[in-house]
């Protein structure tokens, strides 16, 4: 596996980005209490057990901000595929479903926010169908002709 796709490396990227901006962070185990936090960043929850999913859903339902990343909820804690659209067990609290995904690797994708600012992204591109969520950014260019410029 390419080292930049390892879950621990992805968590380090998030941690580094936050601490460089002076934002204090805690790194906690998924079984630890979530009360007292305003924001939970849960990077790369590829394996997700029902208990953790329920706790994260409750956190979001109580007004907490839950940030999920690509490939969240693909499999349960027994490494068995969850037979539901991604993000699987967290679909209800995320307000989205992954309609398509593309492992873009080191290629760069442009993202445009609602103010017109553009950003670069790599590794993975998810095309989302919005249920209750509102988009804050879209792909600035087509990922593939069939994708169009969908919300992230």
C-alpha atoms as a PDB file:
ATOM      1  CA  UNK A   1       0.000   0.000   0.000  1.00  0.00           C
ATOM      2  CA  UNK A   2       1.284   3.459  -0.880  1.00  0.00           C
ATOM      3  CA  UNK A   3       2.366   5.146   2.363  1.00  0.00           C
ATOM      4  CA  UNK A   4       0.369   8.318   1.639  1.00  0.00           C
ATOM      5  CA  UNK A   5      -2.833   6.232   1.763  1.00  0.00           C
ATOM      6  CA  UNK A   6      -2.118   4.654   5.153  1.00  0.00           C
ATOM      7  CA  UNK A   7      -4.722   5.722   7.733  1.00  0.00           C
ATOM      8  CA  UNK A   8      -2.069   6.848  10.223  1.00  0.00           C
ATOM      9  CA  UNK A   9      -0.452   9.056   7.558  1.00  0.00           C
ATOM     10  CA  UNK A  10      -3.818  10.602   6.658  1.00  0.00           C
ATOM     11  CA  UNK A  11      -4.452  11.360  10.335  1.00  0.00           C
ATOM     12  CA  UNK A  12      -1.026  13.010  10.529  1.00  0.00           C
ATOM     13  CA  UNK A  13      -1.899  15.254   7.577  1.00  0.00           C
ATOM     14  CA  UNK A  14      -5.042  16.469   9.372  1.00  0.00           C
ATOM     15  CA  UNK A  15      -3.175  16.920  12.658  1.00  0.00           C
ATOM     16  CA  UNK A  16      -0.335  18.843  11.001  1.00  0.00           C
ATOM     17  CA  UNK A  17      -2.737  21.130   9.129  1.00  0.00           C
ATOM     18  CA  UNK A  18      -4.619  22.017  12.314  1.00  0.00           C
ATOM     19  CA  UNK A  19      -1.602  22.542  14.534  1.00  0.00           C
ATOM     20  CA  UNK A  20       0.100  24.730  11.902  1.00  0.00           C
ATOM     21  CA  UNK A  21      -2.923  27.011  12.217  1.00  0.00           C
ATOM     22  CA  UNK A  22      -2.689  27.102  15.995  1.00  0.00           C
ATOM     23  CA  UNK A  23      -5.709  24.868  16.522  1.00  0.00           C
ATOM     24  CA  UNK A  24      -5.183  22.581  19.492  1.00  0.00           C
ATOM     25  CA  UNK A  25      -6.086  18.976  18.882  1.00  0.00           C
ATOM     26  CA  UNK A  26      -6.610  15.763  20.772  1.00  0.00           C
ATOM     27  CA  UNK A  27      -6.044  12.355  19.278  1.00  0.00           C
ATOM     28  CA  UNK A  28      -8.419   9.937  20.951  1.00  0.00           C
ATOM     29  CA  UNK A  29      -9.419   6.318  20.605  1.00  0.00           C
ATOM     30  CA  UNK A  30     -12.798   5.716  18.999  1.00  0.00           C
ATOM     31  CA  UNK A  31     -14.121   4.305  22.282  1.00  0.00           C
ATOM     32  CA  UNK A  32     -13.381   7.467  24.300  1.00  0.00           C
ATOM     33  CA  UNK A  33     -16.072   9.952  25.333  1.00  0.00           C
ATOM     34  CA  UNK A  34     -17.000  12.539  22.686  1.00  0.00           C
ATOM     35  CA  UNK A  35     -18.765  15.001  24.975  1.00  0.00           C
ATOM     36  CA  UNK A  36     -16.891  18.248  25.387  1.00  0.00           C
ATOM     37  CA  UNK A  37     -15.816  18.354  21.753  1.00  0.00           C
ATOM     38  CA  UNK A  38     -17.355  20.734  19.214  1.00  0.00           C
ATOM     39  CA  UNK A  39     -15.726  19.129  16.180  1.00  0.00           C
ATOM     40  CA  UNK A  40     -14.702  15.535  15.547  1.00  0.00           C
ATOM     41  CA  UNK A  41     -12.539  14.792  12.518  1.00  0.00           C
ATOM     42  CA  UNK A  42     -12.752  11.085  11.805  1.00  0.00           C
ATOM     43  CA  UNK A  43     -10.314  10.480   8.962  1.00  0.00           C
ATOM     44  CA  UNK A  44     -10.501   7.308   6.929  1.00  0.00           C
ATOM     45  CA  UNK A  45     -12.978   5.225   8.913  1.00  0.00           C
ATOM     46  CA  UNK A  46     -12.751   2.422   6.360  1.00  0.00           C
ATOM     47  CA  UNK A  47     -13.540  -0.124   9.088  1.00  0.00           C
ATOM     48  CA  UNK A  48     -16.399   1.056  11.271  1.00  0.00           C
ATOM     49  CA  UNK A  49     -18.206  -0.839  14.000  1.00  0.00           C
ATOM     50  CA  UNK A  50     -21.857  -0.200  14.827  1.00  0.00           C
ATOM     51  CA  UNK A  51     -21.120   1.148  18.316  1.00  0.00           C
ATOM     52  CA  UNK A  52     -18.727   3.815  17.008  1.00  0.00           C
ATOM     53  CA  UNK A  53     -21.176   4.705  14.232  1.00  0.00           C
ATOM     54  CA  UNK A  54     -23.991   5.135  16.769  1.00  0.00           C
ATOM     55  CA  UNK A  55     -21.797   7.315  18.990  1.00  0.00           C
ATOM     56  CA  UNK A  56     -20.747   9.530  16.071  1.00  0.00           C
ATOM     57  CA  UNK A  57     -24.365   9.821  14.910  1.00  0.00           C
ATOM     58  CA  UNK A  58     -25.426  10.843  18.417  1.00  0.00           C
ATOM     59  CA  UNK A  59     -22.598  13.413  18.529  1.00  0.00           C
ATOM     60  CA  UNK A  60     -23.812  14.955  15.252  1.00  0.00           C
ATOM     61  CA  UNK A  61     -27.475  14.810  16.315  1.00  0.00           C
ATOM     62  CA  UNK A  62     -26.579  16.773  19.466  1.00  0.00           C
ATOM     63  CA  UNK A  63     -25.116  19.585  17.332  1.00  0.00           C
ATOM     64  CA  UNK A  64     -21.508  18.439  17.034  1.00  0.00           C
ATOM     65  CA  UNK A  65     -19.668  18.894  13.763  1.00  0.00           C
ATOM     66  CA  UNK A  66     -18.522  15.576  12.334  1.00  0.00           C
ATOM     67  CA  UNK A  67     -15.996  15.665   9.486  1.00  0.00           C
ATOM     68  CA  UNK A  68     -15.649  12.462   7.486  1.00  0.00           C
ATOM     69  CA  UNK A  69     -13.187  11.654   4.722  1.00  0.00           C
ATOM     70  CA  UNK A  70     -13.068   9.363   1.727  1.00  0.00           C
ATOM     71  CA  UNK A  71     -13.829   5.665   2.028  1.00  0.00           C
ATOM     72  CA  UNK A  72     -15.633   6.033   5.347  1.00  0.00           C
ATOM     73  CA  UNK A  73     -17.876   3.113   6.235  1.00  0.00           C
ATOM     74  CA  UNK A  74     -16.809   0.673   3.521  1.00  0.00           C
ATOM     75  CA  UNK A  75     -16.547  -2.282   5.906  1.00  0.00           C
ATOM     76  CA  UNK A  76     -17.611  -3.239   9.394  1.00  0.00           C
ATOM     77  CA  UNK A  77     -15.164  -4.157  12.152  1.00  0.00           C
ATOM     78  CA  UNK A  78     -15.094  -7.764  10.885  1.00  0.00           C
ATOM     79  CA  UNK A  79     -13.757  -6.536   7.517  1.00  0.00           C
ATOM     80  CA  UNK A  80     -17.065  -7.357   5.797  1.00  0.00           C
ATOM     81  CA  UNK A  81     -18.444  -4.886   3.244  1.00  0.00           C
ATOM     82  CA  UNK A  82     -21.426  -2.904   4.466  1.00  0.00           C
ATOM     83  CA  UNK A  83     -24.168  -3.367   1.902  1.00  0.00           C
ATOM     84  CA  UNK A  84     -25.280   0.255   1.862  1.00  0.00           C
ATOM     85  CA  UNK A  85     -24.173   3.323  -0.079  1.00  0.00           C
ATOM     86  CA  UNK A  86     -21.132   4.997   1.443  1.00  0.00           C
ATOM     87  CA  UNK A  87     -20.622   6.349   4.035  1.00  0.00           C
ATOM     88  CA  UNK A  88     -22.491   3.238   5.126  1.00  0.00           C
ATOM     89  CA  UNK A  89     -23.480   3.360   8.772  1.00  0.00           C
ATOM     90  CA  UNK A  90     -22.951   7.144   8.829  1.00  0.00           C
ATOM     91  CA  UNK A  91     -25.153   8.021   5.841  1.00  0.00           C
ATOM     92  CA  UNK A  92     -27.971   9.349   8.000  1.00  0.00           C
ATOM     93  CA  UNK A  93     -25.860  11.809   9.985  1.00  0.00           C
ATOM     94  CA  UNK A  94     -23.718  12.896   7.028  1.00  0.00           C
ATOM     95  CA  UNK A  95     -26.649  13.900   4.841  1.00  0.00           C
ATOM     96  CA  UNK A  96     -24.950  12.485   1.734  1.00  0.00           C
ATOM     97  CA  UNK A  97     -24.469   9.288  -0.244  1.00  0.00           C
ATOM     98  CA  UNK A  98     -21.463   8.536  -2.405  1.00  0.00           C
ATOM     99  CA  UNK A  99     -22.760   8.038  -5.957  1.00  0.00           C
ATOM    100  CA  UNK A 100     -19.357   7.552  -7.608  1.00  0.00           C
ATOM    101  CA  UNK A 101     -15.758   7.570  -6.496  1.00  0.00           C
ATOM    102  CA  UNK A 102     -12.446   7.814  -8.258  1.00  0.00           C
ATOM    103  CA  UNK A 103      -9.016   6.958  -6.794  1.00  0.00           C
ATOM    104  CA  UNK A 104      -7.111   9.793  -8.464  1.00  0.00           C
ATOM    105  CA  UNK A 105      -3.867   9.096  -6.593  1.00  0.00           C
ATOM    106  CA  UNK A 106      -1.274  11.800  -7.131  1.00  0.00           C
ATOM    107  CA  UNK A 107      -3.303  13.614  -9.787  1.00  0.00           C
ATOM    108  CA  UNK A 108      -4.572  17.016  -8.697  1.00  0.00           C
ATOM    109  CA  UNK A 109      -8.238  17.957  -8.754  1.00  0.00           C
ATOM    110  CA  UNK A 110      -9.439  21.536  -8.483  1.00  0.00           C
ATOM    111  CA  UNK A 111     -12.173  22.334  -5.997  1.00  0.00           C
ATOM    112  CA  UNK A 112     -14.093  25.622  -5.969  1.00  0.00           C
ATOM    113  CA  UNK A 113     -15.900  26.892  -2.885  1.00  0.00           C
ATOM    114  CA  UNK A 114     -19.011  29.056  -2.769  1.00  0.00           C
ATOM    115  CA  UNK A 115     -16.870  32.227  -2.724  1.00  0.00           C
ATOM    116  CA  UNK A 116     -14.978  31.220  -5.879  1.00  0.00           C
ATOM    117  CA  UNK A 117     -11.754  30.261  -4.105  1.00  0.00           C
ATOM    118  CA  UNK A 118     -10.035  27.249  -5.628  1.00  0.00           C
ATOM    119  CA  UNK A 119      -8.090  24.525  -3.865  1.00  0.00           C
ATOM    120  CA  UNK A 120      -6.160  21.461  -4.960  1.00  0.00           C
ATOM    121  CA  UNK A 121      -6.974  17.949  -3.805  1.00  0.00           C
ATOM    122  CA  UNK A 122      -5.575  14.532  -4.557  1.00  0.00           C
ATOM    123  CA  UNK A 123      -5.858  10.851  -3.629  1.00  0.00           C
ATOM    124  CA  UNK A 124      -9.612  10.335  -3.853  1.00  0.00           C
ATOM    125  CA  UNK A 125     -12.645  12.009  -5.400  1.00  0.00           C
ATOM    126  CA  UNK A 126     -16.177  11.245  -4.223  1.00  0.00           C
ATOM    127  CA  UNK A 127     -19.224  12.348  -6.165  1.00  0.00           C
ATOM    128  CA  UNK A 128     -21.963  12.922  -3.613  1.00  0.00           C
ATOM    129  CA  UNK A 129     -25.732  12.856  -3.778  1.00  0.00           C
ATOM    130  CA  UNK A 130     -27.038  15.314  -1.220  1.00  0.00           C
ATOM    131  CA  UNK A 131     -29.863  14.325   1.086  1.00  0.00           C
ATOM    132  CA  UNK A 132     -29.941  16.920   3.864  1.00  0.00           C
ATOM    133  CA  UNK A 133     -26.445  18.379   3.416  1.00  0.00           C
ATOM    134  CA  UNK A 134     -25.725  21.638   1.621  1.00  0.00           C
ATOM    135  CA  UNK A 135     -22.665  21.886  -0.642  1.00  0.00           C
ATOM    136  CA  UNK A 136     -19.876  24.258   0.327  1.00  0.00           C
ATOM    137  CA  UNK A 137     -17.695  23.358  -2.667  1.00  0.00           C
ATOM    138  CA  UNK A 138     -17.833  21.617  -6.029  1.00  0.00           C
ATOM    139  CA  UNK A 139     -15.295  20.145  -8.386  1.00  0.00           C
ATOM    140  CA  UNK A 140     -14.119  23.022 -10.562  1.00  0.00           C
ATOM    141  CA  UNK A 141     -13.508  20.723 -13.530  1.00  0.00           C
ATOM    142  CA  UNK A 142     -15.050  17.478 -14.634  1.00  0.00           C
ATOM    143  CA  UNK A 143     -13.433  14.485 -12.977  1.00  0.00           C
ATOM    144  CA  UNK A 144     -14.520  12.346 -15.882  1.00  0.00           C
ATOM    145  CA  UNK A 145     -17.048  13.283 -18.564  1.00  0.00           C
ATOM    146  CA  UNK A 146     -19.706  11.174 -16.827  1.00  0.00           C
ATOM    147  CA  UNK A 147     -19.163  12.898 -13.451  1.00  0.00           C
ATOM    148  CA  UNK A 148     -19.755  16.528 -14.402  1.00  0.00           C
ATOM    149  CA  UNK A 149     -19.151  19.218 -11.745  1.00  0.00           C
ATOM    150  CA  UNK A 150     -20.914  17.577  -8.810  1.00  0.00           C
ATOM    151  CA  UNK A 151     -20.823  18.688  -5.202  1.00  0.00           C
ATOM    152  CA  UNK A 152     -17.985  17.133  -3.249  1.00  0.00           C
END
